[in-house]
PDB file of all heavy atoms in Angstrom:
ATOM      1  N   GLN A   1     -17.343 245.584 101.363  1.00  0.00           N
ATOM      2  CA  GLN A   1     -18.270 244.810 100.496  1.00  0.00           C
ATOM      3  C   GLN A   1     -17.857 244.985  99.086  1.00  0.00           C
ATOM      4  O   GLN A   1     -17.851 244.084  98.197  1.00  0.00           O
ATOM      5  CB  GLN A   1     -19.712 245.240 100.685  1.00  0.00           C
ATOM      6  CG  GLN A   1     -20.620 244.327  99.956  1.00  0.00           C
ATOM      7  CD  GLN A   1     -21.955 245.109  99.729  1.00  0.00           C
ATOM      8  OE1 GLN A   1     -22.027 246.345  99.616  1.00  0.00           O
ATOM      9  NE2 GLN A   1     -23.008 244.317  99.486  1.00  0.00           N
ATOM     10  N   SER A   2     -17.497 246.220  98.701  1.00  0.00           N
ATOM     11  CA  SER A   2     -17.093 246.591  97.287  1.00  0.00           C
ATOM     12  C   SER A   2     -15.859 245.736  96.900  1.00  0.00           C
ATOM     13  O   SER A   2     -15.740 245.390  95.743  1.00  0.00           O
ATOM     14  CB  SER A   2     -16.878 248.083  97.158  1.00  0.00           C
ATOM     15  OG  SER A   2     -16.429 248.462  95.868  1.00  0.00           O
ATOM     16  N   GLN A   3     -14.909 245.644  97.772  1.00  0.00           N
ATOM     17  CA  GLN A   3     -13.681 244.935  97.505  1.00  0.00           C
ATOM     18  C   GLN A   3     -13.928 243.414  97.425  1.00  0.00           C
ATOM     19  O   GLN A   3     -13.332 242.735  96.535  1.00  0.00           O
ATOM     20  CB  GLN A   3     -12.552 245.367  98.502  1.00  0.00           C
ATOM     21  CG  GLN A   3     -12.410 246.778  98.853  1.00  0.00           C
ATOM     22  CD  GLN A   3     -12.337 247.656  97.640  1.00  0.00           C
ATOM     23  OE1 GLN A   3     -11.703 247.364  96.584  1.00  0.00           O
ATOM     24  NE2 GLN A   3     -13.101 248.789  97.648  1.00  0.00           N
ATOM     25  N   LEU A   4     -14.711 243.056  98.335  1.00  0.00           N
ATOM     26  CA  LEU A   4     -14.987 241.550  98.406  1.00  0.00           C
ATOM     27  C   LEU A   4     -15.815 241.039  97.137  1.00  0.00           C
ATOM     28  O   LEU A   4     -15.646 239.893  96.668  1.00  0.00           O
ATOM     29  CB  LEU A   4     -15.935 241.198  99.600  1.00  0.00           C
ATOM     30  CG  LEU A   4     -15.107 241.166 100.982  1.00  0.00           C
ATOM     31  CD1 LEU A   4     -16.127 241.112 102.090  1.00  0.00           C
ATOM     32  CD2 LEU A   4     -14.252 239.958 101.023  1.00  0.00           C
ATOM     33  N   LYS A   5     -16.546 241.955  96.544  1.00  0.00           N
ATOM     34  CA  LYS A   5     -17.251 241.573  95.293  1.00  0.00           C
ATOM     35  C   LYS A   5     -16.290 241.184  94.232  1.00  0.00           C
ATOM     36  O   LYS A   5     -16.395 240.185  93.493  1.00  0.00           O
ATOM     37  CB  LYS A   5     -18.113 242.720  94.971  1.00  0.00           C
ATOM     38  CG  LYS A   5     -19.093 242.385  93.757  1.00  0.00           C
ATOM     39  CD  LYS A   5     -19.968 243.581  93.489  1.00  0.00           C
ATOM     40  CE  LYS A   5     -20.977 243.183  92.277  1.00  0.00           C
ATOM     41  NZ  LYS A   5     -21.911 244.324  92.039  1.00  0.00           N
ATOM     42  N   ILE A   6     -15.227 241.996  94.042  1.00  0.00           N
ATOM     43  CA  ILE A   6     -14.245 241.757  93.024  1.00  0.00           C
ATOM     44  C   ILE A   6     -13.448 240.430  93.345  1.00  0.00           C
ATOM     45  O   ILE A   6     -13.296 239.560  92.567  1.00  0.00           O
ATOM     46  CB  ILE A   6     -13.267 242.915  92.924  1.00  0.00           C
ATOM     47  CG1 ILE A   6     -14.005 244.211  92.414  1.00  0.00           C
ATOM     48  CG2 ILE A   6     -12.116 242.601  91.864  1.00  0.00           C
ATOM     49  CD1 ILE A   6     -13.216 245.361  92.440  1.00  0.00           C
ATOM     50  N   ILE A   7     -13.063 240.391  94.648  1.00  0.00           N
ATOM     51  CA  ILE A   7     -12.270 239.189  95.149  1.00  0.00           C
ATOM     52  C   ILE A   7     -13.036 237.935  94.892  1.00  0.00           C
ATOM     53  O   ILE A   7     -12.451 236.917  94.386  1.00  0.00           O
ATOM     54  CB  ILE A   7     -11.878 239.367  96.553  1.00  0.00           C
ATOM     55  CG1 ILE A   7     -10.882 240.548  96.723  1.00  0.00           C
ATOM     56  CG2 ILE A   7     -11.239 238.128  97.092  1.00  0.00           C
ATOM     57  CD1 ILE A   7      -9.583 240.357  96.008  1.00  0.00           C
ATOM     58  N   ASN A   8     -14.382 237.868  95.224  1.00  0.00           N
ATOM     59  CA  ASN A   8     -15.152 236.728  95.101  1.00  0.00           C
ATOM     60  C   ASN A   8     -15.205 236.198  93.650  1.00  0.00           C
ATOM     61  O   ASN A   8     -15.279 235.017  93.356  1.00  0.00           O
ATOM     62  CB  ASN A   8     -16.588 236.915  95.694  1.00  0.00           C
ATOM     63  CG  ASN A   8     -16.528 236.822  97.163  1.00  0.00           C
ATOM     64  OD1 ASN A   8     -15.480 236.884  97.835  1.00  0.00           O
ATOM     65  ND2 ASN A   8     -17.725 236.668  97.679  1.00  0.00           N
ATOM     66  N   ILE A   9     -15.347 237.259  92.752  1.00  0.00           N
ATOM     67  CA  ILE A   9     -15.421 236.898  91.297  1.00  0.00           C
ATOM     68  C   ILE A   9     -14.192 236.121  90.854  1.00  0.00           C
ATOM     69  O   ILE A   9     -14.340 235.171  90.132  1.00  0.00           O
ATOM     70  CB  ILE A   9     -15.618 238.239  90.494  1.00  0.00           C
ATOM     71  CG1 ILE A   9     -17.053 238.768  90.695  1.00  0.00           C
ATOM     72  CG2 ILE A   9     -15.439 237.922  88.941  1.00  0.00           C
ATOM     73  CD1 ILE A   9     -17.247 240.101  90.092  1.00  0.00           C
ATOM     74  N   TYR A  10     -13.051 236.654  91.349  1.00  0.00           N
ATOM     75  CA  TYR A  10     -11.785 236.033  90.899  1.00  0.00           C
ATOM     76  C   TYR A  10     -11.613 234.688  91.560  1.00  0.00           C
ATOM     77  O   TYR A  10     -10.952 233.818  91.010  1.00  0.00           O
ATOM     78  CB  TYR A  10     -10.563 236.981  91.133  1.00  0.00           C
ATOM     79  CG  TYR A  10     -10.439 237.951  90.092  1.00  0.00           C
ATOM     80  CD1 TYR A  10     -11.094 239.170  90.041  1.00  0.00           C
ATOM     81  CD2 TYR A  10      -9.531 237.706  88.927  1.00  0.00           C
ATOM     82  CE1 TYR A  10     -10.927 240.164  89.035  1.00  0.00           C
ATOM     83  CE2 TYR A  10      -9.354 238.602  88.015  1.00  0.00           C
ATOM     84  CZ  TYR A  10     -10.054 239.727  87.931  1.00  0.00           C
ATOM     85  OH  TYR A  10      -9.938 240.736  86.919  1.00  0.00           O
ATOM     86  N   ILE A  11     -12.057 234.524  92.840  1.00  0.00           N
ATOM     87  CA  ILE A  11     -11.911 233.292  93.509  1.00  0.00           C
ATOM     88  C   ILE A  11     -12.729 232.283  92.808  1.00  0.00           C
ATOM     89  O   ILE A  11     -12.353 230.991  92.623  1.00  0.00           O
ATOM     90  CB  ILE A  11     -12.359 233.414  95.012  1.00  0.00           C
ATOM     91  CG1 ILE A  11     -11.201 234.068  95.708  1.00  0.00           C
ATOM     92  CG2 ILE A  11     -12.584 232.032  95.573  1.00  0.00           C
ATOM     93  CD1 ILE A  11     -11.582 234.340  97.231  1.00  0.00           C
ATOM     94  N   LYS A  12     -13.867 232.577  92.335  1.00  0.00           N
ATOM     95  CA  LYS A  12     -14.742 231.605  91.611  1.00  0.00           C
ATOM     96  C   LYS A  12     -14.170 231.251  90.309  1.00  0.00           C
ATOM     97  O   LYS A  12     -14.266 230.082  89.844  1.00  0.00           O
ATOM     98  CB  LYS A  12     -16.071 232.271  91.414  1.00  0.00           C
ATOM     99  CG  LYS A  12     -16.992 232.369  92.634  1.00  0.00           C
ATOM    100  CD  LYS A  12     -18.319 233.026  92.348  1.00  0.00           C
ATOM    101  CE  LYS A  12     -19.166 233.157  93.623  1.00  0.00           C
ATOM    102  NZ  LYS A  12     -20.520 233.661  93.381  1.00  0.00           N
ATOM    103  N   ILE A  13     -13.509 232.188  89.638  1.00  0.00           N
ATOM    104  CA  ILE A  13     -12.778 231.880  88.430  1.00  0.00           C
ATOM    105  C   ILE A  13     -11.586 230.822  88.651  1.00  0.00           C
ATOM    106  O   ILE A  13     -11.413 229.789  87.994  1.00  0.00           O
ATOM    107  CB  ILE A  13     -12.171 233.138  87.745  1.00  0.00           C
ATOM    108  CG1 ILE A  13     -13.336 233.974  87.242  1.00  0.00           C
ATOM    109  CG2 ILE A  13     -11.384 232.694  86.539  1.00  0.00           C
ATOM    110  CD1 ILE A  13     -12.891 235.351  86.797  1.00  0.00           C
ATOM    111  N   ILE A  14     -10.920 231.092  89.701  1.00  0.00           N
ATOM    112  CA  ILE A  14      -9.736 230.262  90.035  1.00  0.00           C
ATOM    113  C   ILE A  14     -10.203 228.898  90.549  1.00  0.00           C
ATOM    114  O   ILE A  14      -9.497 227.858  90.343  1.00  0.00           O
ATOM    115  CB  ILE A  14      -8.796 230.962  91.109  1.00  0.00           C
ATOM    116  CG1 ILE A  14      -8.151 232.182  90.492  1.00  0.00           C
ATOM    117  CG2 ILE A  14      -7.763 230.018  91.629  1.00  0.00           C
ATOM    118  CD1 ILE A  14      -7.469 233.066  91.446  1.00  0.00           C
ATOM    119  N   GLU A  15     -11.400 228.782  91.134  1.00  0.00           N
ATOM    120  CA  GLU A  15     -11.959 227.559  91.640  1.00  0.00           C
ATOM    121  C   GLU A  15     -12.195 226.518  90.615  1.00  0.00           C
ATOM    122  O   GLU A  15     -12.519 225.344  90.913  1.00  0.00           O
ATOM    123  CB  GLU A  15     -13.188 227.790  92.551  1.00  0.00           C
ATOM    124  CG  GLU A  15     -12.864 228.235  93.990  1.00  0.00           C
ATOM    125  CD  GLU A  15     -14.201 228.360  94.695  1.00  0.00           C
ATOM    126  OE1 GLU A  15     -15.198 228.726  94.112  1.00  0.00           O
ATOM    127  OE2 GLU A  15     -14.192 228.011  95.981  1.00  0.00           O
ATOM    128  N   ASN A  16     -12.246 226.977  89.436  1.00  0.00           N
ATOM    129  CA  ASN A  16     -12.446 226.096  88.181  1.00  0.00           C
ATOM    130  C   ASN A  16     -11.358 225.051  88.239  1.00  0.00           C
ATOM    131  O   ASN A  16     -10.210 225.350  88.022  1.00  0.00           O
ATOM    132  CB  ASN A  16     -12.499 226.898  86.937  1.00  0.00           C
ATOM    133  CG  ASN A  16     -12.846 225.944  85.715  1.00  0.00           C
ATOM    134  OD1 ASN A  16     -12.889 224.746  85.744  1.00  0.00           O
ATOM    135  ND2 ASN A  16     -13.110 226.587  84.622  1.00  0.00           N
ATOM    136  N   GLN A  17     -11.671 223.794  88.387  1.00  0.00           N
ATOM    137  CA  GLN A  17     -10.683 222.763  88.506  1.00  0.00           C
ATOM    138  C   GLN A  17      -9.913 222.444  87.247  1.00  0.00           C
ATOM    139  O   GLN A  17      -8.899 221.776  87.181  1.00  0.00           O
ATOM    140  CB  GLN A  17     -11.183 221.471  89.151  1.00  0.00           C
ATOM    141  CG  GLN A  17     -12.336 220.918  88.313  1.00  0.00           C
ATOM    142  CD  GLN A  17     -12.833 219.556  88.982  1.00  0.00           C
ATOM    143  OE1 GLN A  17     -12.159 218.917  89.769  1.00  0.00           O
ATOM    144  NE2 GLN A  17     -13.885 219.109  88.604  1.00  0.00           N
ATOM    145  N   LYS A  18     -10.356 222.993  86.027  1.00  0.00           N
ATOM    146  CA  LYS A  18      -9.729 222.760  84.901  1.00  0.00           C
ATOM    147  C   LYS A  18      -8.789 223.946  84.439  1.00  0.00           C
ATOM    148  O   LYS A  18      -8.252 223.994  83.380  1.00  0.00           O
ATOM    149  CB  LYS A  18     -10.778 222.501  83.710  1.00  0.00           C
ATOM    150  CG  LYS A  18     -11.532 221.180  83.804  1.00  0.00           C
ATOM    151  CD  LYS A  18     -12.069 220.813  82.516  1.00  0.00           C
ATOM    152  CE  LYS A  18     -12.614 219.409  82.584  1.00  0.00           C
ATOM    153  NZ  LYS A  18     -13.142 218.966  81.290  1.00  0.00           N
ATOM    154  N   LEU A  19      -8.702 224.928  85.342  1.00  0.00           N
ATOM    155  CA  LEU A  19      -7.909 226.104  85.128  1.00  0.00           C
ATOM    156  C   LEU A  19      -6.469 225.716  85.257  1.00  0.00           C
ATOM    157  O   LEU A  19      -6.085 224.914  86.188  1.00  0.00           O
ATOM    158  CB  LEU A  19      -8.149 227.211  86.093  1.00  0.00           C
ATOM    159  CG  LEU A  19      -7.361 228.509  85.993  1.00  0.00           C
ATOM    160  CD1 LEU A  19      -8.066 229.313  84.741  1.00  0.00           C
ATOM    161  CD2 LEU A  19      -7.383 229.251  87.348  1.00  0.00           C
ATOM    162  N   CYS A  20      -5.591 226.085  84.322  1.00  0.00           N
ATOM    163  CA  CYS A  20      -4.149 225.763  84.313  1.00  0.00           C
ATOM    164  C   CYS A  20      -3.297 226.844  84.850  1.00  0.00           C
ATOM    165  O   CYS A  20      -3.700 227.935  84.891  1.00  0.00           O
ATOM    166  CB  CYS A  20      -3.641 225.274  82.978  1.00  0.00           C
ATOM    167  SG  CYS A  20      -3.442 226.514  81.760  1.00  0.00           S
ATOM    168  N   ALA A  21      -2.190 226.500  85.389  1.00  0.00           N
ATOM    169  CA  ALA A  21      -1.275 227.571  85.879  1.00  0.00           C
ATOM    170  C   ALA A  21      -0.860 228.693  85.025  1.00  0.00           C
ATOM    171  O   ALA A  21      -0.729 229.767  85.418  1.00  0.00           O
ATOM    172  CB  ALA A  21       0.020 226.843  86.561  1.00  0.00           C
ATOM    173  N   VAL A  22      -0.772 228.354  83.695  1.00  0.00           N
ATOM    174  CA  VAL A  22      -0.476 229.403  82.667  1.00  0.00           C
ATOM    175  C   VAL A  22      -1.635 230.418  82.637  1.00  0.00           C
ATOM    176  O   VAL A  22      -1.335 231.635  82.459  1.00  0.00           O
ATOM    177  CB  VAL A  22      -0.144 228.733  81.411  1.00  0.00           C
ATOM    178  CG1 VAL A  22       0.123 229.797  80.341  1.00  0.00           C
ATOM    179  CG2 VAL A  22       0.965 227.702  81.502  1.00  0.00           C
ATOM    180  N   GLU A  23      -2.856 229.953  82.575  1.00  0.00           N
ATOM    181  CA  GLU A  23      -4.013 230.868  82.624  1.00  0.00           C
ATOM    182  C   GLU A  23      -4.047 231.579  83.917  1.00  0.00           C
ATOM    183  O   GLU A  23      -4.493 232.809  83.887  1.00  0.00           O
ATOM    184  CB  GLU A  23      -5.245 230.124  82.410  1.00  0.00           C
ATOM    185  CG  GLU A  23      -5.416 229.407  81.170  1.00  0.00           C
ATOM    186  CD  GLU A  23      -6.667 228.499  81.051  1.00  0.00           C
ATOM    187  OE1 GLU A  23      -6.695 227.459  81.707  1.00  0.00           O
ATOM    188  OE2 GLU A  23      -7.603 228.851  80.230  1.00  0.00           O
ATOM    189  N   LEU A  24      -3.614 231.048  84.976  1.00  0.00           N
ATOM    190  CA  LEU A  24      -3.630 231.727  86.223  1.00  0.00           C
ATOM    191  C   LEU A  24      -2.803 232.928  86.296  1.00  0.00           C
ATOM    192  O   LEU A  24      -3.093 233.881  86.937  1.00  0.00           O
ATOM    193  CB  LEU A  24      -3.258 230.748  87.405  1.00  0.00           C
ATOM    194  CG  LEU A  24      -3.298 231.274  88.826  1.00  0.00           C
ATOM    195  CD1 LEU A  24      -4.736 231.718  89.237  1.00  0.00           C
ATOM    196  CD2 LEU A  24      -2.740 230.393  89.742  1.00  0.00           C
ATOM    197  N   ILE A  25      -1.598 232.862  85.553  1.00  0.00           N
ATOM    198  CA  ILE A  25      -0.723 233.956  85.497  1.00  0.00           C
ATOM    199  C   ILE A  25      -1.419 235.253  84.986  1.00  0.00           C
ATOM    200  O   ILE A  25      -1.402 236.364  85.496  1.00  0.00           O
ATOM    201  CB  ILE A  25       0.489 233.661  84.646  1.00  0.00           C
ATOM    202  CG1 ILE A  25       1.294 232.639  85.343  1.00  0.00           C
ATOM    203  CG2 ILE A  25       1.276 234.942  84.395  1.00  0.00           C
ATOM    204  CD1 ILE A  25       2.452 232.109  84.441  1.00  0.00           C
ATOM    205  N   LEU A  26      -2.177 235.090  83.897  1.00  0.00           N
ATOM    206  CA  LEU A  26      -2.896 236.246  83.294  1.00  0.00           C
ATOM    207  C   LEU A  26      -4.001 236.696  84.233  1.00  0.00           C
ATOM    208  O   LEU A  26      -4.262 237.937  84.303  1.00  0.00           O
ATOM    209  CB  LEU A  26      -3.550 235.710  81.957  1.00  0.00           C
ATOM    210  CG  LEU A  26      -2.518 235.233  80.925  1.00  0.00           C
ATOM    211  CD1 LEU A  26      -3.187 234.742  79.657  1.00  0.00           C
ATOM    212  CD2 LEU A  26      -1.440 236.350  80.625  1.00  0.00           C
ATOM    213  N   ILE A  27      -4.680 235.784  84.939  1.00  0.00           N
ATOM    214  CA  ILE A  27      -5.731 236.187  85.811  1.00  0.00           C
ATOM    215  C   ILE A  27      -5.296 237.021  87.001  1.00  0.00           C
ATOM    216  O   ILE A  27      -5.749 238.002  87.323  1.00  0.00           O
ATOM    217  CB  ILE A  27      -6.557 234.894  86.302  1.00  0.00           C
ATOM    218  CG1 ILE A  27      -7.221 234.224  85.070  1.00  0.00           C
ATOM    219  CG2 ILE A  27      -7.379 235.220  87.490  1.00  0.00           C
ATOM    220  CD1 ILE A  27      -7.806 232.876  85.427  1.00  0.00           C
ATOM    221  N   MET A  28      -4.165 236.492  87.561  1.00  0.00           N
ATOM    222  CA  MET A  28      -3.547 237.249  88.683  1.00  0.00           C
ATOM    223  C   MET A  28      -3.040 238.631  88.325  1.00  0.00           C
ATOM    224  O   MET A  28      -3.076 239.550  89.000  1.00  0.00           O
ATOM    225  CB  MET A  28      -2.407 236.465  89.291  1.00  0.00           C
ATOM    226  CG  MET A  28      -2.857 235.116  89.866  1.00  0.00           C
ATOM    227  SD  MET A  28      -4.095 235.310  91.219  1.00  0.00           S
ATOM    228  CE  MET A  28      -3.080 235.972  92.528  1.00  0.00           C
ATOM    229  N   GLU A  29      -2.537 238.681  87.065  1.00  0.00           N
ATOM    230  CA  GLU A  29      -2.065 240.017  86.536  1.00  0.00           C
ATOM    231  C   GLU A  29      -3.316 240.976  86.406  1.00  0.00           C
ATOM    232  O   GLU A  29      -3.161 242.170  86.745  1.00  0.00           O
ATOM    233  CB  GLU A  29      -1.330 239.796  85.215  1.00  0.00           C
ATOM    234  CG  GLU A  29       0.028 239.149  85.312  1.00  0.00           C
ATOM    235  CD  GLU A  29       0.630 238.923  84.031  1.00  0.00           C
ATOM    236  OE1 GLU A  29       0.002 239.204  82.907  1.00  0.00           O
ATOM    237  OE2 GLU A  29       1.809 238.520  83.912  1.00  0.00           O
ATOM    238  N   LYS A  30      -4.391 240.437  85.940  1.00  0.00           N
ATOM    239  CA  LYS A  30      -5.586 241.327  85.794  1.00  0.00           C
ATOM    240  C   LYS A  30      -6.053 241.768  87.127  1.00  0.00           C
ATOM    241  O   LYS A  30      -6.438 242.914  87.266  1.00  0.00           O
ATOM    242  CB  LYS A  30      -6.646 240.589  85.079  1.00  0.00           C
ATOM    243  CG  LYS A  30      -6.399 240.326  83.654  1.00  0.00           C
ATOM    244  CD  LYS A  30      -7.540 239.655  82.958  1.00  0.00           C
ATOM    245  CE  LYS A  30      -7.311 239.338  81.419  1.00  0.00           C
ATOM    246  NZ  LYS A  30      -8.473 238.554  80.831  1.00  0.00           N
ATOM    247  N   LEU A  31      -6.081 240.850  88.135  1.00  0.00           N
ATOM    248  CA  LEU A  31      -6.594 241.256  89.431  1.00  0.00           C
ATOM    249  C   LEU A  31      -5.676 242.260  90.061  1.00  0.00           C
ATOM    250  O   LEU A  31      -6.177 243.226  90.611  1.00  0.00           O
ATOM    251  CB  LEU A  31      -6.612 239.900  90.325  1.00  0.00           C
ATOM    252  CG  LEU A  31      -6.918 240.244  91.767  1.00  0.00           C
ATOM    253  CD1 LEU A  31      -8.300 240.965  92.017  1.00  0.00           C
ATOM    254  CD2 LEU A  31      -6.890 238.891  92.609  1.00  0.00           C
TER     255      LEU A  31
END
């Protein structure tokens, strides 16, 4: 549950349909 909490937060961020691939690079690096 502790790991899923973090994963779910990042999935919701990535689910934003206006997110661009360049921003995704930084997000995946943070995760």
